[in-house]
């Protein structure tokens, strides 16, 4: 066997990719996991995780990812920094070229490259991510019981986040650059009817105020009609303007993507794709749940199906 040949290669090091690595490693397939642009994915930028089973006191996102990594490596998975820059899926063995300049071949490929939250591109947005600036109300909403928070956006995601946050927060400001929402009528009606939600129209975020020690203290807004600025004092702000799936590396191959770029194979059930031996897991295809636990479950399914595929094709 060539030195750069593997039974399984996994792309992505979030909960989906690392769980796939744990399962394929335990099956003695000695997988290679190429970490991706950011090790650990979105979970690595999350502070307290209180909804992952098995941690009743909660656990920090980076620690949870590091534990998954240690578990995968314990069973023999090999992790490599960098990201896959090019794939050749024309026939097996598949070829993966990494940003490190190396090329690898594999009999089965699991793509778990995830999705990246769309960013506002304003000062302190990244510095305060996980310290008051969040992209997941389900993950972080419970930290703001009886406090005022803000949501940025005007589509279904923003209204869903805002309505969810009303379970905990005393008030939820929905910041939108227009005075008309893009959300569906049923969500608009629910939002307008909820006494805890206040809409801040014709407003855009200019910057986030805070630091590493205090976390977020305010959101600086600018009125896009008058240019007037003001600070909205909140300890939490949820950016809900959507996600971009990291599916670029798949676009030249006959794997169906929906109009947003998420993997949505036609006539196949996830984790299978239109190419035998290529499997997907995590937020790359799931833009409905987007939870660490569901991503991990999908990684498990992809690993088991990859193992069965290899058994069937290699005997």
C-alpha atoms as a PDB file:
ATOM      1  CA  UNK A   1       0.000   0.000   0.000  1.00  0.00           C
ATOM      2  CA  UNK A   2       1.315   3.455  -0.868  1.00  0.00           C
ATOM      3  CA  UNK A   3       2.325   5.644   2.069  1.00  0.00           C
ATOM      4  CA  UNK A   4      -0.269   8.283   1.185  1.00  0.00           C
ATOM      5  CA  UNK A   5      -3.101   5.820   0.665  1.00  0.00           C
ATOM      6  CA  UNK A   6      -5.798   5.421   3.344  1.00  0.00           C
ATOM      7  CA  UNK A   7      -8.878   3.312   3.772  1.00  0.00           C
ATOM      8  CA  UNK A   8     -10.832   6.380   4.842  1.00  0.00           C
ATOM      9  CA  UNK A   9     -10.186  10.105   4.679  1.00  0.00           C
ATOM     10  CA  UNK A  10     -12.375  12.499   6.664  1.00  0.00           C
ATOM     11  CA  UNK A  11     -12.604  16.188   5.839  1.00  0.00           C
ATOM     12  CA  UNK A  12     -13.470  18.422   8.779  1.00  0.00           C
ATOM     13  CA  UNK A  13     -12.761  18.413  12.508  1.00  0.00           C
ATOM     14  CA  UNK A  14     -16.051  19.461  14.050  1.00  0.00           C
ATOM     15  CA  UNK A  15     -18.264  17.035  15.996  1.00  0.00           C
ATOM     16  CA  UNK A  16     -19.266  15.222  12.786  1.00  0.00           C
ATOM     17  CA  UNK A  17     -15.739  14.697  11.499  1.00  0.00           C
ATOM     18  CA  UNK A  18     -14.260  13.754  14.870  1.00  0.00           C
ATOM     19  CA  UNK A  19     -17.065  11.306  15.633  1.00  0.00           C
ATOM     20  CA  UNK A  20     -16.548   9.719  12.213  1.00  0.00           C
ATOM     21  CA  UNK A  21     -12.848   9.475  13.060  1.00  0.00           C
ATOM     22  CA  UNK A  22     -13.599   7.768  16.387  1.00  0.00           C
ATOM     23  CA  UNK A  23     -15.859   5.176  14.785  1.00  0.00           C
ATOM     24  CA  UNK A  24     -13.673   4.408  11.769  1.00  0.00           C
ATOM     25  CA  UNK A  25     -10.571   4.253  13.964  1.00  0.00           C
ATOM     26  CA  UNK A  26     -12.272   1.797  16.334  1.00  0.00           C
ATOM     27  CA  UNK A  27     -13.096  -0.280  13.260  1.00  0.00           C
ATOM     28  CA  UNK A  28      -9.321  -0.467  12.642  1.00  0.00           C
ATOM     29  CA  UNK A  29      -9.578   1.535   9.418  1.00  0.00           C
ATOM     30  CA  UNK A  30      -6.823   3.967  10.515  1.00  0.00           C
ATOM     31  CA  UNK A  31      -8.510   7.051   9.068  1.00  0.00           C
ATOM     32  CA  UNK A  32      -6.791  10.276   8.110  1.00  0.00           C
ATOM     33  CA  UNK A  33      -8.672  13.388   9.185  1.00  0.00           C
ATOM     34  CA  UNK A  34      -7.785  16.674   7.471  1.00  0.00           C
ATOM     35  CA  UNK A  35      -8.856  19.305   9.975  1.00  0.00           C
ATOM     36  CA  UNK A  36     -10.157  22.051   7.696  1.00  0.00           C
ATOM     37  CA  UNK A  37      -9.794  25.800   7.745  1.00  0.00           C
ATOM     38  CA  UNK A  38     -10.581  26.048  11.462  1.00  0.00           C
ATOM     39  CA  UNK A  39      -9.915  23.138  13.807  1.00  0.00           C
ATOM     40  CA  UNK A  40     -13.029  22.168  15.721  1.00  0.00           C
ATOM     41  CA  UNK A  41     -15.412  24.112  13.534  1.00  0.00           C
ATOM     42  CA  UNK A  42     -18.075  26.322  15.098  1.00  0.00           C
ATOM     43  CA  UNK A  43     -17.983  24.456  18.404  1.00  0.00           C
ATOM     44  CA  UNK A  44     -14.401  25.562  19.009  1.00  0.00           C
ATOM     45  CA  UNK A  45     -15.559  29.175  19.187  1.00  0.00           C
ATOM     46  CA  UNK A  46     -18.342  28.354  21.659  1.00  0.00           C
ATOM     47  CA  UNK A  47     -17.756  28.903  25.359  1.00  0.00           C
ATOM     48  CA  UNK A  48     -20.146  26.976  27.631  1.00  0.00           C
ATOM     49  CA  UNK A  49     -21.919  23.964  26.139  1.00  0.00           C
ATOM     50  CA  UNK A  50     -24.742  22.859  28.426  1.00  0.00           C
ATOM     51  CA  UNK A  51     -26.816  20.673  26.117  1.00  0.00           C
ATOM     52  CA  UNK A  52     -24.347  17.947  25.123  1.00  0.00           C
ATOM     53  CA  UNK A  53     -25.328  14.707  26.888  1.00  0.00           C
ATOM     54  CA  UNK A  54     -22.975  13.450  29.560  1.00  0.00           C
ATOM     55  CA  UNK A  55     -21.881  16.827  30.915  1.00  0.00           C
ATOM     56  CA  UNK A  56     -24.464  17.855  33.528  1.00  0.00           C
ATOM     57  CA  UNK A  57     -22.333  20.782  34.672  1.00  0.00           C
ATOM     58  CA  UNK A  58     -21.624  21.890  31.112  1.00  0.00           C
ATOM     59  CA  UNK A  59     -18.324  21.924  29.262  1.00  0.00           C
ATOM     60  CA  UNK A  60     -16.393  24.505  27.275  1.00  0.00           C
ATOM     61  CA  UNK A  61     -16.653  24.064  23.506  1.00  0.00           C
ATOM     62  CA  UNK A  62     -12.878  23.830  22.951  1.00  0.00           C
ATOM     63  CA  UNK A  63     -12.543  21.269  25.745  1.00  0.00           C
ATOM     64  CA  UNK A  64     -15.298  19.105  24.242  1.00  0.00           C
ATOM     65  CA  UNK A  65     -13.583  19.187  20.854  1.00  0.00           C
ATOM     66  CA  UNK A  66     -10.186  18.439  22.418  1.00  0.00           C
ATOM     67  CA  UNK A  67     -11.660  15.421  24.203  1.00  0.00           C
ATOM     68  CA  UNK A  68     -13.125  14.148  20.932  1.00  0.00           C
ATOM     69  CA  UNK A  69      -9.752  14.596  19.270  1.00  0.00           C
ATOM     70  CA  UNK A  70      -7.933  12.716  22.034  1.00  0.00           C
ATOM     71  CA  UNK A  71     -10.466   9.897  21.782  1.00  0.00           C
ATOM     72  CA  UNK A  72     -10.023   9.637  18.005  1.00  0.00           C
ATOM     73  CA  UNK A  73      -6.240   9.632  18.300  1.00  0.00           C
ATOM     74  CA  UNK A  74      -6.374   7.031  21.067  1.00  0.00           C
ATOM     75  CA  UNK A  75      -7.947   4.586  18.619  1.00  0.00           C
ATOM     76  CA  UNK A  76      -5.430   5.328  15.876  1.00  0.00           C
ATOM     77  CA  UNK A  77      -6.867   8.177  13.829  1.00  0.00           C
ATOM     78  CA  UNK A  78      -4.315  10.481  12.225  1.00  0.00           C
ATOM     79  CA  UNK A  79      -5.104  14.194  12.202  1.00  0.00           C
ATOM     80  CA  UNK A  80      -3.438  16.626   9.852  1.00  0.00           C
ATOM     81  CA  UNK A  81      -3.660  20.401   9.727  1.00  0.00           C
ATOM     82  CA  UNK A  82      -4.807  22.182   6.594  1.00  0.00           C
ATOM     83  CA  UNK A  83      -7.830  21.810   4.374  1.00  0.00           C
ATOM     84  CA  UNK A  84      -8.719  19.885   1.257  1.00  0.00           C
ATOM     85  CA  UNK A  85      -8.200  22.184  -1.706  1.00  0.00           C
ATOM     86  CA  UNK A  86      -9.035  19.757  -4.517  1.00  0.00           C
ATOM     87  CA  UNK A  87     -10.785  16.425  -4.922  1.00  0.00           C
ATOM     88  CA  UNK A  88     -10.716  13.879  -7.734  1.00  0.00           C
ATOM     89  CA  UNK A  89     -13.867  11.808  -7.326  1.00  0.00           C
ATOM     90  CA  UNK A  90     -13.943  10.488 -10.892  1.00  0.00           C
ATOM     91  CA  UNK A  91     -13.155   6.960  -9.720  1.00  0.00           C
ATOM     92  CA  UNK A  92     -11.931   5.058  -6.683  1.00  0.00           C
ATOM     93  CA  UNK A  93      -9.472   5.378  -5.123  1.00  0.00           C
ATOM     94  CA  UNK A  94     -10.378   9.010  -4.649  1.00  0.00           C
ATOM     95  CA  UNK A  95      -7.669  11.655  -4.576  1.00  0.00           C
ATOM     96  CA  UNK A  96      -7.523  14.430  -1.989  1.00  0.00           C
ATOM     97  CA  UNK A  97      -5.072  17.314  -2.308  1.00  0.00           C
ATOM     98  CA  UNK A  98      -4.391  19.238   0.890  1.00  0.00           C
ATOM     99  CA  UNK A  99      -3.340  22.841   1.416  1.00  0.00           C
ATOM    100  CA  UNK A 100      -0.128  21.376   2.841  1.00  0.00           C
ATOM    101  CA  UNK A 101       0.756  20.397  -0.720  1.00  0.00           C
ATOM    102  CA  UNK A 102       0.393  16.669  -0.102  1.00  0.00           C
ATOM    103  CA  UNK A 103      -1.928  14.386  -2.024  1.00  0.00           C
ATOM    104  CA  UNK A 104      -3.641  11.335  -0.586  1.00  0.00           C
ATOM    105  CA  UNK A 105      -5.835   8.591  -1.986  1.00  0.00           C
ATOM    106  CA  UNK A 106      -8.604   6.711  -0.218  1.00  0.00           C
ATOM    107  CA  UNK A 107     -11.216   4.044  -0.780  1.00  0.00           C
ATOM    108  CA  UNK A 108     -13.925   5.941   1.112  1.00  0.00           C
ATOM    109  CA  UNK A 109     -14.313   9.659   1.742  1.00  0.00           C
ATOM    110  CA  UNK A 110     -16.382  11.330   4.474  1.00  0.00           C
ATOM    111  CA  UNK A 111     -16.957  15.042   3.894  1.00  0.00           C
ATOM    112  CA  UNK A 112     -17.846  16.901   7.095  1.00  0.00           C
ATOM    113  CA  UNK A 113     -16.625  20.386   6.239  1.00  0.00           C
ATOM    114  CA  UNK A 114     -19.574  22.060   7.951  1.00  0.00           C
ATOM    115  CA  UNK A 115     -20.928  25.546   7.429  1.00  0.00           C
ATOM    116  CA  UNK A 116     -19.684  28.972   8.406  1.00  0.00           C
ATOM    117  CA  UNK A 117     -21.960  31.622   9.941  1.00  0.00           C
ATOM    118  CA  UNK A 118     -22.298  34.675   7.780  1.00  0.00           C
ATOM    119  CA  UNK A 119     -20.581  37.620   9.389  1.00  0.00           C
ATOM    120  CA  UNK A 120     -21.458  41.272   9.625  1.00  0.00           C
ATOM    121  CA  UNK A 121     -17.830  42.281   9.155  1.00  0.00           C
ATOM    122  CA  UNK A 122     -17.815  44.910  11.890  1.00  0.00           C
ATOM    123  CA  UNK A 123     -15.225  45.694  14.586  1.00  0.00           C
ATOM    124  CA  UNK A 124     -14.982  43.298  17.572  1.00  0.00           C
ATOM    125  CA  UNK A 125     -17.332  40.765  15.969  1.00  0.00           C
ATOM    126  CA  UNK A 126     -14.798  37.950  15.998  1.00  0.00           C
ATOM    127  CA  UNK A 127     -13.031  39.095  19.166  1.00  0.00           C
ATOM    128  CA  UNK A 128     -16.287  38.869  21.129  1.00  0.00           C
ATOM    129  CA  UNK A 129     -17.553  35.650  19.537  1.00  0.00           C
ATOM    130  CA  UNK A 130     -18.418  33.382  22.429  1.00  0.00           C
ATOM    131  CA  UNK A 131     -18.219  36.346  24.835  1.00  0.00           C
ATOM    132  CA  UNK A 132     -21.610  37.837  24.140  1.00  0.00           C
ATOM    133  CA  UNK A 133     -21.681  37.621  20.354  1.00  0.00           C
ATOM    134  CA  UNK A 134     -23.248  34.355  19.210  1.00  0.00           C
ATOM    135  CA  UNK A 135     -24.727  32.719  16.130  1.00  0.00           C
ATOM    136  CA  UNK A 136     -26.817  30.082  17.947  1.00  0.00           C
ATOM    137  CA  UNK A 137     -29.679  30.903  20.297  1.00  0.00           C
ATOM    138  CA  UNK A 138     -30.316  27.226  21.007  1.00  0.00           C
ATOM    139  CA  UNK A 139     -26.715  26.910  22.174  1.00  0.00           C
ATOM    140  CA  UNK A 140     -26.400  30.099  24.205  1.00  0.00           C
ATOM    141  CA  UNK A 141     -29.861  31.500  24.925  1.00  0.00           C
ATOM    142  CA  UNK A 142     -30.136  30.025  28.427  1.00  0.00           C
ATOM    143  CA  UNK A 143     -27.175  32.143  29.574  1.00  0.00           C
ATOM    144  CA  UNK A 144     -29.323  35.277  29.325  1.00  0.00           C
ATOM    145  CA  UNK A 145     -32.176  34.555  31.705  1.00  0.00           C
ATOM    146  CA  UNK A 146     -34.023  37.742  32.641  1.00  0.00           C
ATOM    147  CA  UNK A 147     -31.618  39.866  30.606  1.00  0.00           C
ATOM    148  CA  UNK A 148     -32.123  41.937  27.469  1.00  0.00           C
ATOM    149  CA  UNK A 149     -30.560  40.600  24.272  1.00  0.00           C
ATOM    150  CA  UNK A 150     -30.511  41.488  20.582  1.00  0.00           C
ATOM    151  CA  UNK A 151     -30.899  39.560  17.343  1.00  0.00           C
ATOM    152  CA  UNK A 152     -29.589  40.839  14.019  1.00  0.00           C
ATOM    153  CA  UNK A 153     -31.540  39.862  10.904  1.00  0.00           C
ATOM    154  CA  UNK A 154     -34.975  39.877   9.335  1.00  0.00           C
ATOM    155  CA  UNK A 155     -35.497  36.423   7.884  1.00  0.00           C
ATOM    156  CA  UNK A 156     -36.914  33.170   9.228  1.00  0.00           C
ATOM    157  CA  UNK A 157     -33.715  32.371  11.131  1.00  0.00           C
ATOM    158  CA  UNK A 158     -33.747  35.704  12.926  1.00  0.00           C
ATOM    159  CA  UNK A 159     -37.399  35.394  13.953  1.00  0.00           C
ATOM    160  CA  UNK A 160     -36.943  31.792  15.065  1.00  0.00           C
ATOM    161  CA  UNK A 161     -33.960  32.832  17.180  1.00  0.00           C
ATOM    162  CA  UNK A 162     -35.855  35.786  18.644  1.00  0.00           C
ATOM    163  CA  UNK A 163     -38.908  33.721  19.544  1.00  0.00           C
ATOM    164  CA  UNK A 164     -36.717  31.069  21.143  1.00  0.00           C
ATOM    165  CA  UNK A 165     -34.871  33.684  23.177  1.00  0.00           C
ATOM    166  CA  UNK A 166     -38.125  34.998  24.663  1.00  0.00           C
ATOM    167  CA  UNK A 167     -38.175  31.844  26.771  1.00  0.00           C
ATOM    168  CA  UNK A 168     -35.227  33.214  28.723  1.00  0.00           C
ATOM    169  CA  UNK A 169     -34.660  36.906  28.060  1.00  0.00           C
ATOM    170  CA  UNK A 170     -36.686  39.738  29.536  1.00  0.00           C
ATOM    171  CA  UNK A 171     -36.625  41.535  26.175  1.00  0.00           C
ATOM    172  CA  UNK A 172     -35.387  40.711  22.682  1.00  0.00           C
ATOM    173  CA  UNK A 173     -34.481  43.509  20.273  1.00  0.00           C
ATOM    174  CA  UNK A 174     -34.636  42.494  16.607  1.00  0.00           C
ATOM    175  CA  UNK A 175     -32.302  44.741  14.632  1.00  0.00           C
ATOM    176  CA  UNK A 176     -33.145  45.029  10.938  1.00  0.00           C
ATOM    177  CA  UNK A 177     -31.861  47.325   8.227  1.00  0.00           C
ATOM    178  CA  UNK A 178     -35.325  47.842   6.741  1.00  0.00           C
ATOM    179  CA  UNK A 179     -38.841  48.202   8.155  1.00  0.00           C
ATOM    180  CA  UNK A 180     -40.110  45.035   6.502  1.00  0.00           C
ATOM    181  CA  UNK A 181     -39.169  41.495   7.432  1.00  0.00           C
ATOM    182  CA  UNK A 182     -38.232  38.763   4.979  1.00  0.00           C
ATOM    183  CA  UNK A 183     -39.498  36.086   7.343  1.00  0.00           C
ATOM    184  CA  UNK A 184     -42.551  33.984   6.553  1.00  0.00           C
ATOM    185  CA  UNK A 185     -45.949  35.391   7.509  1.00  0.00           C
ATOM    186  CA  UNK A 186     -46.490  32.957  10.370  1.00  0.00           C
ATOM    187  CA  UNK A 187     -43.184  33.932  11.973  1.00  0.00           C
ATOM    188  CA  UNK A 188     -43.811  37.630  11.383  1.00  0.00           C
ATOM    189  CA  UNK A 189     -47.203  37.353  13.069  1.00  0.00           C
ATOM    190  CA  UNK A 190     -45.716  35.501  16.034  1.00  0.00           C
ATOM    191  CA  UNK A 191     -42.963  38.071  16.355  1.00  0.00           C
ATOM    192  CA  UNK A 192     -45.305  41.054  16.234  1.00  0.00           C
ATOM    193  CA  UNK A 193     -47.646  39.418  18.754  1.00  0.00           C
ATOM    194  CA  UNK A 194     -44.913  38.692  21.297  1.00  0.00           C
ATOM    195  CA  UNK A 195     -44.697  41.394  23.957  1.00  0.00           C
ATOM    196  CA  UNK A 196     -41.054  40.558  24.687  1.00  0.00           C
ATOM    197  CA  UNK A 197     -39.912  41.370  21.143  1.00  0.00           C
ATOM    198  CA  UNK A 198     -39.151  44.933  20.086  1.00  0.00           C
ATOM    199  CA  UNK A 199     -38.173  45.687  16.491  1.00  0.00           C
ATOM    200  CA  UNK A 200     -35.415  48.185  15.786  1.00  0.00           C
ATOM    201  CA  UNK A 201     -36.007  49.278  12.198  1.00  0.00           C
ATOM    202  CA  UNK A 202     -33.677  50.920   9.672  1.00  0.00           C
ATOM    203  CA  UNK A 203     -30.717  50.021  11.866  1.00  0.00           C
ATOM    204  CA  UNK A 204     -27.391  48.370  11.190  1.00  0.00           C
ATOM    205  CA  UNK A 205     -24.651  47.252  13.524  1.00  0.00           C
ATOM    206  CA  UNK A 206     -21.619  49.514  13.305  1.00  0.00           C
ATOM    207  CA  UNK A 207     -19.530  47.729  15.948  1.00  0.00           C
ATOM    208  CA  UNK A 208     -19.695  45.624  19.083  1.00  0.00           C
ATOM    209  CA  UNK A 209     -18.578  47.224  22.342  1.00  0.00           C
ATOM    210  CA  UNK A 210     -16.736  45.198  24.969  1.00  0.00           C
ATOM    211  CA  UNK A 211     -13.506  43.366  25.679  1.00  0.00           C
ATOM    212  CA  UNK A 212     -12.159  39.973  26.710  1.00  0.00           C
ATOM    213  CA  UNK A 213     -12.697  40.711  30.398  1.00  0.00           C
ATOM    214  CA  UNK A 214     -16.209  42.163  30.403  1.00  0.00           C
ATOM    215  CA  UNK A 215     -17.548  40.529  27.272  1.00  0.00           C
ATOM    216  CA  UNK A 216     -20.149  42.319  25.180  1.00  0.00           C
ATOM    217  CA  UNK A 217     -21.602  45.410  26.843  1.00  0.00           C
ATOM    218  CA  UNK A 218     -23.362  47.167  23.955  1.00  0.00           C
ATOM    219  CA  UNK A 219     -24.132  47.105  20.253  1.00  0.00           C
ATOM    220  CA  UNK A 220     -23.435  50.350  18.431  1.00  0.00           C
ATOM    221  CA  UNK A 221     -26.171  50.973  15.886  1.00  0.00           C
ATOM    222  CA  UNK A 222     -26.402  53.407  13.010  1.00  0.00           C
ATOM    223  CA  UNK A 223     -29.687  54.604  11.544  1.00  0.00           C
ATOM    224  CA  UNK A 224     -29.246  54.054   7.806  1.00  0.00           C
ATOM    225  CA  UNK A 225     -31.579  56.958   7.009  1.00  0.00           C
ATOM    226  CA  UNK A 226     -30.274  59.712   9.286  1.00  0.00           C
ATOM    227  CA  UNK A 227     -26.791  58.405  10.050  1.00  0.00           C
ATOM    228  CA  UNK A 228     -27.473  58.858  13.760  1.00  0.00           C
ATOM    229  CA  UNK A 229     -25.614  56.461  16.063  1.00  0.00           C
ATOM    230  CA  UNK A 230     -26.628  55.033  19.407  1.00  0.00           C
ATOM    231  CA  UNK A 231     -25.555  52.260  21.753  1.00  0.00           C
ATOM    232  CA  UNK A 232     -27.960  49.471  22.612  1.00  0.00           C
ATOM    233  CA  UNK A 233     -26.775  48.095  25.944  1.00  0.00           C
ATOM    234  CA  UNK A 234     -27.129  44.323  25.915  1.00  0.00           C
ATOM    235  CA  UNK A 235     -24.867  41.511  27.181  1.00  0.00           C
ATOM    236  CA  UNK A 236     -25.810  39.211  24.325  1.00  0.00           C
ATOM    237  CA  UNK A 237     -26.296  39.643  20.581  1.00  0.00           C
ATOM    238  CA  UNK A 238     -27.199  36.868  18.172  1.00  0.00           C
ATOM    239  CA  UNK A 239     -26.234  37.242  14.523  1.00  0.00           C
ATOM    240  CA  UNK A 240     -28.888  35.474  12.469  1.00  0.00           C
ATOM    241  CA  UNK A 241     -28.209  36.346   8.854  1.00  0.00           C
ATOM    242  CA  UNK A 242     -27.617  32.784   7.722  1.00  0.00           C
ATOM    243  CA  UNK A 243     -24.793  30.323   7.112  1.00  0.00           C
ATOM    244  CA  UNK A 244     -22.677  29.421   4.112  1.00  0.00           C
ATOM    245  CA  UNK A 245     -22.046  25.682   3.663  1.00  0.00           C
ATOM    246  CA  UNK A 246     -18.404  24.825   3.048  1.00  0.00           C
ATOM    247  CA  UNK A 247     -19.234  22.861  -0.086  1.00  0.00           C
ATOM    248  CA  UNK A 248     -16.996  24.593  -2.621  1.00  0.00           C
ATOM    249  CA  UNK A 249     -14.692  21.599  -2.935  1.00  0.00           C
ATOM    250  CA  UNK A 250     -17.637  19.438  -4.096  1.00  0.00           C
ATOM    251  CA  UNK A 251     -19.087  21.743  -6.722  1.00  0.00           C
ATOM    252  CA  UNK A 252     -17.392  20.231  -9.788  1.00  0.00           C
ATOM    253  CA  UNK A 253     -18.591  16.711  -8.973  1.00  0.00           C
ATOM    254  CA  UNK A 254     -22.023  15.126  -9.556  1.00  0.00           C
ATOM    255  CA  UNK A 255     -23.181  15.582  -5.985  1.00  0.00           C
ATOM    256  CA  UNK A 256     -26.399  17.560  -5.834  1.00  0.00           C
ATOM    257  CA  UNK A 257     -26.390  20.803  -3.866  1.00  0.00           C
ATOM    258  CA  UNK A 258     -29.508  22.819  -3.099  1.00  0.00           C
ATOM    259  CA  UNK A 259     -29.842  26.480  -4.027  1.00  0.00           C
ATOM    260  CA  UNK A 260     -28.010  27.493  -0.844  1.00  0.00           C
ATOM    261  CA  UNK A 261     -25.110  25.131  -1.488  1.00  0.00           C
ATOM    262  CA  UNK A 262     -25.999  22.443   1.066  1.00  0.00           C
ATOM    263  CA  UNK A 263     -25.554  18.818   0.032  1.00  0.00           C
ATOM    264  CA  UNK A 264     -28.965  17.405  -0.883  1.00  0.00           C
ATOM    265  CA  UNK A 265     -28.410  14.184  -2.855  1.00  0.00           C
ATOM    266  CA  UNK A 266     -31.197  13.276  -5.232  1.00  0.00           C
ATOM    267  CA  UNK A 267     -32.638   9.824  -4.723  1.00  0.00           C
ATOM    268  CA  UNK A 268     -30.252   9.091  -1.852  1.00  0.00           C
ATOM    269  CA  UNK A 269     -30.495   9.300   1.902  1.00  0.00           C
ATOM    270  CA  UNK A 270     -27.817  11.075   3.923  1.00  0.00           C
ATOM    271  CA  UNK A 271     -25.017  10.135   4.534  1.00  0.00           C
ATOM    272  CA  UNK A 272     -24.945   8.606   1.031  1.00  0.00           C
ATOM    273  CA  UNK A 273     -24.281  10.754  -2.041  1.00  0.00           C
ATOM    274  CA  UNK A 274     -24.558  10.154  -5.767  1.00  0.00           C
ATOM    275  CA  UNK A 275     -20.966   8.875  -5.773  1.00  0.00           C
ATOM    276  CA  UNK A 276     -20.469   5.429  -4.243  1.00  0.00           C
ATOM    277  CA  UNK A 277     -17.917   5.649  -1.468  1.00  0.00           C
ATOM    278  CA  UNK A 278     -18.428   9.360  -0.777  1.00  0.00           C
ATOM    279  CA  UNK A 279     -20.399  10.202   2.350  1.00  0.00           C
ATOM    280  CA  UNK A 280     -21.388  13.462   4.042  1.00  0.00           C
ATOM    281  CA  UNK A 281     -22.091  14.426   7.635  1.00  0.00           C
ATOM    282  CA  UNK A 282     -22.900  17.430   9.809  1.00  0.00           C
ATOM    283  CA  UNK A 283     -23.805  20.989   8.925  1.00  0.00           C
ATOM    284  CA  UNK A 284     -22.660  20.504   5.342  1.00  0.00           C
ATOM    285  CA  UNK A 285     -26.106  19.050   4.728  1.00  0.00           C
ATOM    286  CA  UNK A 286     -28.021  19.912   7.907  1.00  0.00           C
ATOM    287  CA  UNK A 287     -29.223  23.496   8.042  1.00  0.00           C
ATOM    288  CA  UNK A 288     -32.240  22.654  10.174  1.00  0.00           C
ATOM    289  CA  UNK A 289     -30.896  21.364  13.501  1.00  0.00           C
ATOM    290  CA  UNK A 290     -27.264  22.602  13.447  1.00  0.00           C
ATOM    291  CA  UNK A 291     -26.439  21.110  16.857  1.00  0.00           C
ATOM    292  CA  UNK A 292     -23.255  19.437  18.055  1.00  0.00           C
ATOM    293  CA  UNK A 293     -25.157  16.318  19.082  1.00  0.00           C
ATOM    294  CA  UNK A 294     -26.927  15.902  15.731  1.00  0.00           C
ATOM    295  CA  UNK A 295     -23.662  16.516  13.864  1.00  0.00           C
ATOM    296  CA  UNK A 296     -21.971  13.847  15.991  1.00  0.00           C
ATOM    297  CA  UNK A 297     -24.827  11.443  15.241  1.00  0.00           C
ATOM    298  CA  UNK A 298     -24.460  12.097  11.533  1.00  0.00           C
ATOM    299  CA  UNK A 299     -20.728  11.476  11.787  1.00  0.00           C
ATOM    300  CA  UNK A 300     -21.454   8.130  13.426  1.00  0.00           C
ATOM    301  CA  UNK A 301     -23.831   7.165  10.605  1.00  0.00           C
ATOM    302  CA  UNK A 302     -21.342   8.167   7.916  1.00  0.00           C
ATOM    303  CA  UNK A 303     -18.597   6.135   9.580  1.00  0.00           C
ATOM    304  CA  UNK A 304     -20.723   3.004   9.910  1.00  0.00           C
ATOM    305  CA  UNK A 305     -21.894   3.243   6.307  1.00  0.00           C
ATOM    306  CA  UNK A 306     -18.330   3.843   5.098  1.00  0.00           C
ATOM    307  CA  UNK A 307     -17.191   0.745   7.011  1.00  0.00           C
ATOM    308  CA  UNK A 308     -19.979  -1.338   5.457  1.00  0.00           C
ATOM    309  CA  UNK A 309     -19.159   0.045   2.025  1.00  0.00           C
ATOM    310  CA  UNK A 310     -15.538  -1.010   2.408  1.00  0.00           C
ATOM    311  CA  UNK A 311     -16.564  -4.474   3.592  1.00  0.00           C
ATOM    312  CA  UNK A 312     -18.799  -4.891   0.547  1.00  0.00           C
ATOM    313  CA  UNK A 313     -16.237  -3.652  -1.989  1.00  0.00           C
ATOM    314  CA  UNK A 314     -13.071  -5.115  -0.524  1.00  0.00           C
ATOM    315  CA  UNK A 315     -14.445  -8.374   0.813  1.00  0.00           C
END
